[in-house]
N, C-alpha and C. Protein backbone atom coordinates (compact mmCIF):
# COMPACT_ATOMS: atom_id res chain seq x y z
N UNK A 1 79.47 59.44 19.21
CA UNK A 1 78.61 58.58 18.93
C UNK A 1 79.49 57.17 20.21
N UNK A 2 78.65 57.63 21.33
CA UNK A 2 79.42 56.17 21.93
C UNK A 2 79.46 54.79 21.42
N UNK A 3 78.52 54.30 20.79
CA UNK A 3 78.76 52.91 20.19
C UNK A 3 80.37 52.90 19.33
N UNK A 4 80.14 53.54 18.93
CA UNK A 4 81.36 53.44 18.09
C UNK A 4 83.03 53.98 18.72
N UNK A 5 83.19 53.98 19.92
CA UNK A 5 83.82 53.62 20.94
C UNK A 5 84.67 52.45 20.37
N UNK A 6 85.65 52.59 20.48
CA UNK A 6 86.77 51.07 20.55
C UNK A 6 86.96 50.87 21.86
N UNK A 7 87.09 51.71 22.80
CA UNK A 7 87.40 50.91 23.92
C UNK A 7 86.38 50.26 24.66
N UNK A 8 85.12 50.48 23.87
CA UNK A 8 83.74 49.81 24.55
C UNK A 8 83.28 48.92 24.13
N UNK A 9 83.67 48.48 22.85
CA UNK A 9 83.73 47.58 22.25
C UNK A 9 83.18 46.18 23.01
N UNK A 10 84.47 45.88 24.11
CA UNK A 10 84.48 44.43 24.51
C UNK A 10 83.67 44.65 25.56
N UNK A 11 83.18 45.69 25.98
CA UNK A 11 82.08 45.80 27.26
C UNK A 11 80.72 45.55 26.86
N UNK A 12 80.70 46.01 25.47
CA UNK A 12 79.64 45.88 24.67
C UNK A 12 78.97 44.57 24.15
N UNK A 13 80.28 44.15 23.32
CA UNK A 13 80.39 42.75 23.09
C UNK A 13 80.14 41.35 24.47
N UNK A 14 80.28 41.71 25.27
CA UNK A 14 79.97 41.10 26.51
C UNK A 14 78.80 41.15 26.93
N UNK A 15 78.44 42.19 27.47
CA UNK A 15 76.75 42.67 26.99
C UNK A 15 75.96 41.62 25.85
N UNK A 16 76.32 42.40 24.93
CA UNK A 16 75.55 41.50 23.78
C UNK A 16 75.70 39.88 23.66
N UNK A 17 76.27 39.19 23.79
CA UNK A 17 76.50 38.05 24.29
C UNK A 17 75.39 37.46 25.45
N UNK A 18 75.97 38.35 26.29
CA UNK A 18 74.94 37.41 27.43
C UNK A 18 73.43 37.84 27.44
N UNK A 19 72.99 39.36 26.91
CA UNK A 19 71.64 39.08 26.45
C UNK A 19 71.23 38.42 25.33
N UNK A 20 72.42 38.01 24.13
CA UNK A 20 71.55 36.93 23.22
C UNK A 20 71.71 35.48 23.88
N UNK A 21 72.13 35.10 24.72
CA UNK A 21 71.96 33.83 24.95
C UNK A 21 70.93 33.77 26.11
N UNK A 22 71.06 34.97 27.31
CA UNK A 22 69.84 34.98 28.31
C UNK A 22 68.53 34.65 27.41
N UNK A 23 68.05 35.36 26.32
CA UNK A 23 67.05 35.59 25.33
C UNK A 23 67.15 34.18 24.88
N UNK A 24 67.93 33.96 24.33
CA UNK A 24 67.59 32.57 23.68
C UNK A 24 67.73 31.54 24.87
N UNK A 25 68.35 31.37 26.21
CA UNK A 25 67.53 30.40 26.82
C UNK A 25 66.71 30.65 27.28
N UNK A 26 65.82 31.86 27.80
CA UNK A 26 64.22 32.23 28.21
C UNK A 26 63.69 31.49 26.57
N UNK A 27 63.68 31.47 25.87
CA UNK A 27 63.08 31.47 24.45
C UNK A 27 62.95 29.94 24.46
N UNK A 28 63.68 29.21 24.56
CA UNK A 28 64.39 27.84 24.21
C UNK A 28 63.47 27.16 25.54
N UNK A 29 63.36 27.68 27.07
CA UNK A 29 63.06 26.97 28.37
C UNK A 29 61.62 27.38 28.54
N UNK A 30 61.30 28.59 28.17
CA UNK A 30 59.91 29.18 28.86
C UNK A 30 59.16 29.44 27.59
N UNK A 31 59.40 30.37 26.28
CA UNK A 31 58.34 30.67 25.60
C UNK A 31 58.23 29.63 24.84
N UNK A 32 58.70 29.16 23.99
CA UNK A 32 58.77 27.90 22.83
C UNK A 32 57.71 26.76 23.26
N UNK A 33 58.30 26.18 24.55
CA UNK A 33 57.61 25.19 24.97
C UNK A 33 55.94 25.51 24.93
N UNK A 34 56.18 26.89 25.64
CA UNK A 34 54.49 27.22 25.71
C UNK A 34 53.56 27.13 24.65
N UNK A 35 54.64 28.01 23.25
CA UNK A 35 54.07 27.93 22.59
C UNK A 35 53.35 26.29 21.40
N UNK A 36 54.59 25.53 21.83
CA UNK A 36 54.55 24.52 21.64
C UNK A 36 53.63 23.49 22.23
N UNK A 37 52.94 23.67 23.52
CA UNK A 37 51.99 23.56 24.28
C UNK A 37 50.42 23.66 23.76
N UNK A 38 50.80 25.07 23.36
CA UNK A 38 49.61 25.56 22.96
C UNK A 38 49.39 24.97 21.70
N UNK A 39 50.23 24.78 20.56
CA UNK A 39 49.99 24.28 19.43
C UNK A 39 49.36 22.60 19.41
N UNK A 40 50.12 21.90 20.38
CA UNK A 40 49.78 20.89 20.63
C UNK A 40 48.11 20.48 21.09
N UNK A 41 48.36 21.73 22.28
CA UNK A 41 46.40 21.62 22.30
C UNK A 41 45.84 21.83 21.55
N UNK A 42 46.10 22.84 20.36
CA UNK A 42 45.10 23.12 19.43
C UNK A 42 44.90 21.69 18.91
N UNK A 43 46.30 21.36 18.60
CA UNK A 43 46.08 20.05 17.38
C UNK A 43 44.74 19.16 18.11
N UNK A 44 45.32 18.78 19.27
CA UNK A 44 44.37 17.61 19.60
C UNK A 44 42.62 17.44 20.09
N UNK A 45 42.32 19.14 19.87
CA UNK A 45 41.40 19.62 19.87
C UNK A 45 40.91 19.62 18.88
N UNK A 46 41.48 19.69 17.41
CA UNK A 46 41.10 19.72 16.40
C UNK A 46 40.97 18.36 15.74
N UNK A 47 41.56 17.43 16.57
CA UNK A 47 41.63 16.02 16.10
C UNK A 47 40.17 15.62 17.16
N UNK A 48 40.11 15.90 18.30
CA UNK A 48 39.11 15.74 18.81
C UNK A 48 37.93 15.96 18.42
N UNK A 49 38.11 17.06 17.79
CA UNK A 49 36.81 17.54 16.94
C UNK A 49 36.63 17.02 15.55
N UNK A 50 37.68 16.62 14.88
CA UNK A 50 37.27 15.71 14.15
C UNK A 50 37.03 14.58 13.94
N UNK A 51 37.20 13.62 14.96
CA UNK A 51 36.71 12.41 16.06
C UNK A 51 35.24 12.69 16.07
N UNK A 52 34.67 13.49 16.64
CA UNK A 52 33.62 13.66 16.94
C UNK A 52 32.68 13.96 15.78
N UNK A 53 33.49 14.47 14.83
CA UNK A 53 32.08 14.91 13.24
C UNK A 53 32.22 13.27 13.02
N UNK A 54 33.47 12.68 12.87
CA UNK A 54 33.19 11.15 12.14
C UNK A 54 32.34 10.68 12.98
N UNK A 55 32.23 10.58 13.99
CA UNK A 55 31.50 9.42 14.89
C UNK A 55 29.89 10.19 14.55
N UNK A 56 29.74 11.47 14.76
CA UNK A 56 28.50 11.99 14.22
C UNK A 56 28.15 11.37 12.75
N UNK A 57 28.75 11.94 11.86
CA UNK A 57 28.73 11.16 11.19
C UNK A 57 28.11 9.89 10.70
N UNK A 58 28.97 8.78 11.16
CA UNK A 58 28.64 7.64 11.26
C UNK A 58 27.17 7.31 12.09
N UNK A 59 26.92 7.91 12.83
CA UNK A 59 25.59 7.97 12.95
C UNK A 59 24.56 8.35 12.52
N UNK A 60 24.97 9.32 11.79
CA UNK A 60 23.86 10.19 11.06
C UNK A 60 23.42 9.06 9.90
N UNK A 61 24.59 8.35 9.21
CA UNK A 61 24.20 7.29 8.16
C UNK A 61 23.95 6.03 8.97
N UNK A 62 24.17 5.45 10.31
CA UNK A 62 23.10 4.49 10.98
C UNK A 62 21.67 5.10 11.15
N UNK A 63 21.76 6.41 11.51
CA UNK A 63 20.03 7.02 11.50
C UNK A 63 19.37 6.53 9.98
N UNK A 64 20.29 7.25 8.61
CA UNK A 64 19.14 6.94 7.88
C UNK A 64 19.17 6.12 7.36
N UNK A 65 20.11 5.26 7.62
CA UNK A 65 19.97 3.12 7.14
C UNK A 65 18.76 2.96 7.55
N UNK A 66 18.48 3.43 9.08
CA UNK A 66 17.48 2.32 10.42
C UNK A 66 16.26 3.37 9.43
N UNK A 67 16.15 4.57 9.14
CA UNK A 67 15.09 5.36 8.51
C UNK A 67 14.45 4.68 7.28
N UNK A 68 15.77 4.30 6.22
CA UNK A 68 15.35 3.56 4.88
C UNK A 68 14.41 2.27 5.04
N UNK A 69 15.34 1.64 6.23
CA UNK A 69 14.70 0.59 6.45
C UNK A 69 13.41 0.15 7.05
N UNK A 70 13.06 0.97 7.93
CA UNK A 70 11.57 1.18 8.37
C UNK A 70 10.23 2.10 7.88
N UNK A 71 11.10 2.97 6.58
CA UNK A 71 10.30 3.57 5.27
C UNK A 71 10.14 1.91 4.40
N UNK A 72 11.24 0.99 4.03
CA UNK A 72 10.69 -0.32 3.34
C UNK A 72 10.18 -0.94 4.13
N UNK A 73 10.07 -1.03 5.40
CA UNK A 73 9.23 -2.04 5.95
C UNK A 73 8.09 -1.98 5.99
N UNK A 74 8.19 -0.45 6.35
CA UNK A 74 5.71 0.83 6.05
C UNK A 74 5.66 0.23 4.72
N UNK A 75 6.37 0.26 3.84
CA UNK A 75 6.32 0.28 2.27
C UNK A 75 5.98 -1.57 2.03
N UNK A 76 6.86 -2.32 2.29
CA UNK A 76 5.69 -3.52 2.18
C UNK A 76 4.48 -3.60 3.11
N UNK A 77 4.91 -3.50 4.34
CA UNK A 77 3.82 -3.54 5.43
C UNK A 77 2.39 -3.12 4.48
N UNK A 78 2.77 -1.90 3.91
CA UNK A 78 1.39 -1.18 3.15
C UNK A 78 0.99 -2.36 2.14
N UNK A 79 2.02 -2.40 1.45
CA UNK A 79 1.56 -2.90 0.20
C UNK A 79 1.16 -4.31 0.67
N UNK A 80 1.46 -5.17 1.66
CA UNK A 80 0.42 -6.30 1.73
C UNK A 80 -0.70 -5.53 2.60
N UNK A 81 -0.97 -5.08 3.35
CA UNK A 81 -1.89 -4.52 4.09
C UNK A 81 -3.12 -4.35 2.43
N UNK A 82 -2.44 -3.83 1.85
CA UNK A 82 -3.13 -3.47 0.72
C UNK A 82 -3.63 -4.89 -0.37
N UNK A 83 -2.43 -5.32 -0.18
CA UNK A 83 -3.07 -6.89 -0.89
C UNK A 83 -4.23 -7.63 -0.03
N UNK A 84 -4.10 -7.18 1.04
CA UNK A 84 -4.58 -8.47 1.85
C UNK A 84 -6.21 -7.90 1.74
N UNK A 85 -6.48 -6.68 1.77
CA UNK A 85 -7.66 -5.41 1.25
C UNK A 85 -7.93 -6.21 0.16
N UNK A 86 -7.44 -5.95 -0.80
CA UNK A 86 -7.96 -6.50 -2.22
C UNK A 86 -8.31 -7.58 -2.38
N UNK A 87 -7.56 -8.67 -1.50
CA UNK A 87 -8.57 -9.80 -1.68
C UNK A 87 -9.48 -9.91 -0.97
N UNK A 88 -9.80 -9.16 0.17
CA UNK A 88 -11.03 -9.48 0.68
C UNK A 88 -12.33 -8.91 0.51
N UNK A 89 -11.92 -7.98 -0.38
CA UNK A 89 -12.52 -7.64 -1.16
C UNK A 89 -13.57 -8.15 -2.29
N UNK A 90 -11.94 -8.88 -2.89
CA UNK A 90 -12.63 -9.51 -4.10
C UNK A 90 -13.30 -11.27 -3.94
N UNK A 91 -13.17 -11.51 -2.76
CA UNK A 91 -13.51 -12.19 -1.55
C UNK A 91 -15.03 -11.98 -1.42
N UNK A 92 -15.57 -10.85 -1.28
CA UNK A 92 -16.73 -10.08 -0.67
C UNK A 92 -17.60 -10.14 -2.20
N UNK A 93 -17.10 -9.36 -3.14
CA UNK A 93 -17.48 -9.14 -4.56
C UNK A 93 -17.99 -10.84 -4.80
N UNK A 94 -16.93 -11.44 -4.77
CA UNK A 94 -17.05 -12.88 -5.63
C UNK A 94 -18.62 -13.15 -4.31
N UNK A 95 -18.56 -13.52 -3.32
CA UNK A 95 -19.44 -13.74 -2.36
C UNK A 95 -20.72 -12.91 -2.86
N UNK A 96 -21.21 -11.76 -3.00
CA UNK A 96 -22.07 -11.59 -3.30
C UNK A 96 -22.31 -11.35 -4.41
N UNK A 97 -21.38 -11.88 -5.51
CA UNK A 97 -21.95 -12.08 -7.19
C UNK A 97 -22.34 -13.55 -6.85
N UNK A 98 -22.34 -14.51 -5.82
CA UNK A 98 -22.65 -15.65 -6.19
C UNK A 98 -24.41 -15.56 -5.15
N UNK A 99 -24.35 -14.65 -4.28
CA UNK A 99 -25.90 -15.14 -3.57
C UNK A 99 -26.42 -14.26 -5.17
N UNK A 100 -25.98 -13.30 -5.35
CA UNK A 100 -26.97 -12.66 -6.31
C UNK A 100 -26.97 -13.72 -7.55
N UNK A 101 -26.37 -14.28 -7.84
CA UNK A 101 -26.61 -15.23 -8.88
C UNK A 101 -27.62 -16.51 -8.69
N UNK A 102 -27.45 -16.47 -6.99
CA UNK A 102 -28.57 -17.75 -6.41
C UNK A 102 -30.01 -17.26 -6.64
N UNK A 103 -29.95 -16.02 -5.99
CA UNK A 103 -31.78 -14.90 -5.57
C UNK A 103 -31.74 -15.22 -7.19
N UNK A 104 -31.54 -14.43 -8.55
CA UNK A 104 -31.60 -14.63 -9.76
C UNK A 104 -31.86 -15.73 -10.15
N UNK A 105 -31.22 -17.15 -9.91
CA UNK A 105 -31.74 -18.38 -10.14
C UNK A 105 -33.09 -18.76 -9.92
N UNK A 106 -32.85 -18.61 -8.55
CA UNK A 106 -34.24 -18.73 -7.96
C UNK A 106 -35.59 -17.81 -8.93
N UNK A 107 -35.06 -16.61 -8.77
CA UNK A 107 -36.21 -15.99 -9.59
C UNK A 107 -36.78 -15.98 -10.83
N UNK A 108 -35.46 -16.86 -11.77
CA UNK A 108 -35.75 -17.43 -12.85
C UNK A 108 -36.83 -18.46 -12.64
N UNK A 109 -36.53 -19.09 -11.88
CA UNK A 109 -37.32 -20.62 -11.74
C UNK A 109 -38.56 -20.09 -11.26
N UNK A 110 -38.57 -19.35 -10.43
CA UNK A 110 -40.18 -18.85 -10.09
C UNK A 110 -40.64 -18.54 -10.95
N UNK A 111 -40.30 -17.53 -11.85
CA UNK A 111 -41.05 -17.22 -12.79
C UNK A 111 -41.37 -18.37 -14.04
N UNK A 112 -40.07 -19.26 -13.98
CA UNK A 112 -40.74 -20.18 -15.25
C UNK A 112 -41.55 -21.03 -14.45
N UNK A 113 -41.92 -21.14 -13.35
CA UNK A 113 -42.73 -22.00 -12.86
C UNK A 113 -43.61 -21.10 -13.11
N UNK A 114 -43.50 -19.81 -12.81
CA UNK A 114 -45.57 -19.10 -12.41
C UNK A 114 -45.85 -19.18 -14.42
N UNK A 115 -44.66 -18.86 -15.24
CA UNK A 115 -45.03 -18.54 -16.55
C UNK A 115 -45.43 -20.47 -17.35
N UNK A 116 -45.29 -21.34 -16.18
CA UNK A 116 -45.73 -22.99 -17.10
C UNK A 116 -46.47 -22.85 -16.31
N UNK A 117 -47.36 -22.74 -15.01
CA UNK A 117 -48.41 -22.35 -14.85
C UNK A 117 -49.38 -21.87 -15.27
N UNK A 118 -49.30 -20.70 -15.77
CA UNK A 118 -49.69 -19.95 -16.44
C UNK A 118 -50.24 -20.44 -17.69
N UNK A 119 -49.11 -20.85 -18.30
CA UNK A 119 -49.37 -21.71 -19.54
C UNK A 119 -50.59 -23.04 -19.47
N UNK A 120 -50.29 -23.43 -18.23
CA UNK A 120 -51.12 -24.88 -18.49
C UNK A 120 -52.44 -24.42 -18.17
N UNK A 121 -52.82 -23.11 -17.42
CA UNK A 121 -54.01 -22.41 -17.11
C UNK A 121 -54.78 -22.06 -18.25
N UNK A 122 -54.01 -21.51 -18.94
CA UNK A 122 -54.38 -21.13 -20.57
C UNK A 122 -54.71 -21.98 -21.28
N UNK A 123 -53.69 -23.25 -21.23
CA UNK A 123 -54.52 -24.34 -22.17
C UNK A 123 -55.56 -24.96 -21.53
N UNK A 124 -55.70 -24.94 -20.35
CA UNK A 124 -56.91 -25.17 -19.45
C UNK A 124 -57.96 -24.73 -20.06
N UNK A 125 -57.90 -23.30 -20.26
CA UNK A 125 -59.41 -22.86 -20.55
C UNK A 125 -59.00 -22.59 -21.94
N UNK A 126 -58.16 -22.57 -22.32
CA UNK A 126 -59.11 -22.66 -23.80
C UNK A 126 -59.64 -23.96 -24.47
N UNK A 127 -58.70 -25.22 -23.67
CA UNK A 127 -59.74 -26.68 -23.70
C UNK A 127 -60.90 -26.80 -23.58
N UNK A 128 -61.41 -25.59 -22.06
CA UNK A 128 -62.78 -25.46 -21.59
C UNK A 128 -63.84 -24.52 -23.04
N UNK A 129 -62.85 -23.68 -23.40
CA UNK A 129 -63.58 -23.11 -24.03
C UNK A 129 -63.45 -23.82 -25.26
N UNK A 130 -62.67 -24.68 -26.15
CA UNK A 130 -62.81 -24.95 -27.17
C UNK A 130 -63.92 -26.17 -27.50
N UNK A 131 -64.07 -26.83 -26.04
CA UNK A 131 -65.16 -28.01 -25.45
C UNK A 131 -66.61 -27.42 -25.84
N UNK A 132 -66.87 -26.13 -24.64
CA UNK A 132 -68.10 -25.26 -24.89
C UNK A 132 -68.12 -25.20 -26.40
N UNK A 133 -67.11 -24.36 -26.98
CA UNK A 133 -66.84 -23.43 -28.52
C UNK A 133 -67.46 -25.60 -29.98
N UNK A 134 -66.41 -26.35 -28.96
CA UNK A 134 -67.31 -27.06 -30.26
C UNK A 134 -68.79 -27.75 -29.47
N UNK A 135 -69.03 -28.00 -28.79
CA UNK A 135 -70.69 -28.28 -28.42
C UNK A 135 -71.82 -27.20 -28.63
N UNK A 136 -71.38 -26.40 -28.66
CA UNK A 136 -72.40 -25.11 -29.26
C UNK A 136 -72.00 -24.88 -30.58
N UNK A 137 -71.17 -25.61 -31.51
CA UNK A 137 -70.78 -25.49 -33.29
C UNK A 137 -72.06 -27.05 -33.40
N UNK A 138 -71.89 -28.04 -32.98
CA UNK A 138 -72.35 -29.16 -33.01
C UNK A 138 -74.05 -28.86 -32.59
N UNK A 139 -74.46 -28.34 -31.38
CA UNK A 139 -75.81 -28.06 -31.30
C UNK A 139 -76.38 -26.96 -32.85
N UNK A 140 -75.75 -26.24 -32.98
CA UNK A 140 -76.18 -24.96 -34.24
C UNK A 140 -75.63 -26.00 -35.42
N UNK A 141 -75.38 -27.24 -35.56
CA UNK A 141 -75.11 -28.00 -36.97
C UNK A 141 -76.36 -28.90 -36.65
N UNK A 142 -76.99 -28.92 -35.30
CA UNK A 142 -78.39 -29.89 -35.35
C UNK A 142 -78.19 -31.16 -34.84
N UNK A 143 -76.86 -31.37 -34.68
CA UNK A 143 -77.17 -32.96 -34.18
C UNK A 143 -77.08 -32.91 -32.49
N UNK A 144 -77.67 -33.47 -32.39
CA UNK A 144 -77.99 -34.23 -30.77
C UNK A 144 -77.74 -35.40 -30.29
N UNK A 145 -77.50 -35.31 -29.10
CA UNK A 145 -77.12 -36.98 -28.50
C UNK A 145 -75.57 -36.72 -28.24
N UNK A 146 -74.59 -35.48 -28.39
CA UNK A 146 -73.78 -35.47 -28.38
C UNK A 146 -73.67 -34.61 -26.80
N UNK A 147 -73.05 -35.03 -26.06
CA UNK A 147 -72.74 -34.06 -24.55
C UNK A 147 -71.74 -33.38 -24.29
N UNK A 148 -71.17 -33.09 -23.41
CA UNK A 148 -69.75 -32.63 -22.99
C UNK A 148 -69.01 -33.59 -22.63
N UNK A 149 -69.60 -34.15 -22.13
CA UNK A 149 -68.14 -35.72 -21.62
C UNK A 149 -67.93 -36.26 -23.29
N UNK A 150 -68.78 -36.19 -23.83
CA UNK A 150 -68.12 -36.91 -25.21
C UNK A 150 -67.16 -36.41 -25.99
N UNK A 151 -67.47 -34.75 -25.91
CA UNK A 151 -66.39 -34.04 -26.49
C UNK A 151 -65.35 -34.49 -25.93
N UNK A 152 -65.29 -34.16 -24.48
CA UNK A 152 -64.20 -34.52 -23.62
C UNK A 152 -63.29 -35.76 -23.73
N UNK A 153 -63.90 -37.07 -23.70
CA UNK A 153 -63.49 -38.10 -24.63
C UNK A 153 -62.74 -37.71 -26.09
N UNK A 154 -63.30 -37.11 -26.78
CA UNK A 154 -62.96 -37.47 -28.01
C UNK A 154 -61.73 -36.44 -28.14
N UNK A 155 -61.39 -35.22 -27.73
CA UNK A 155 -60.21 -34.51 -27.06
C UNK A 155 -58.81 -35.23 -26.69
N UNK A 156 -59.92 -36.03 -25.82
CA UNK A 156 -57.94 -37.15 -24.96
C UNK A 156 -58.07 -38.13 -25.90
N UNK A 157 -58.58 -38.63 -26.84
CA UNK A 157 -58.49 -39.68 -28.21
C UNK A 157 -57.27 -39.07 -28.62
N UNK A 158 -57.68 -37.80 -29.09
CA UNK A 158 -57.25 -37.15 -29.89
C UNK A 158 -55.51 -36.96 -29.80
N UNK A 159 -55.34 -36.54 -28.40
CA UNK A 159 -54.18 -36.00 -27.67
C UNK A 159 -53.56 -37.09 -27.36
N UNK A 160 -53.93 -38.22 -27.05
CA UNK A 160 -53.05 -39.09 -27.04
C UNK A 160 -52.60 -39.89 -28.43
N UNK A 161 -52.94 -39.77 -29.39
CA UNK A 161 -52.81 -39.98 -31.23
C UNK A 161 -51.33 -39.15 -30.96
């Protein structure tokens, strides 16, 4: 085996050192910086993505806050509109109730006036019938000389007392 020949050890050792240091130089000056650069770019990209994700998260939180504020405002406006509509309906019902009360009061007054008129008419008829009946009774009893005006005057005197 030629590697184990001691006469070639020095040349093998020389070439081993040259190859080792050449590879070490190539690795340290060319390959390792490229790998470090790639790792650094990768880290920058990851940081960039994390920053973008954080910005998007902030925007999403802001959009959510705006949405919740808009929802709250809409609910408040809806409640205000509902309250306003309720007030308008209450006022309308109250007005209609007042109108109905006025009409009913007017009808009651008209009815009472009509009843009073009917009562007076009935009393006048009863009075007239009573006068005629009294005159007939007096004639049947046989008393002469009393006429209808005498009976009316007697009834007026009796009412006055």
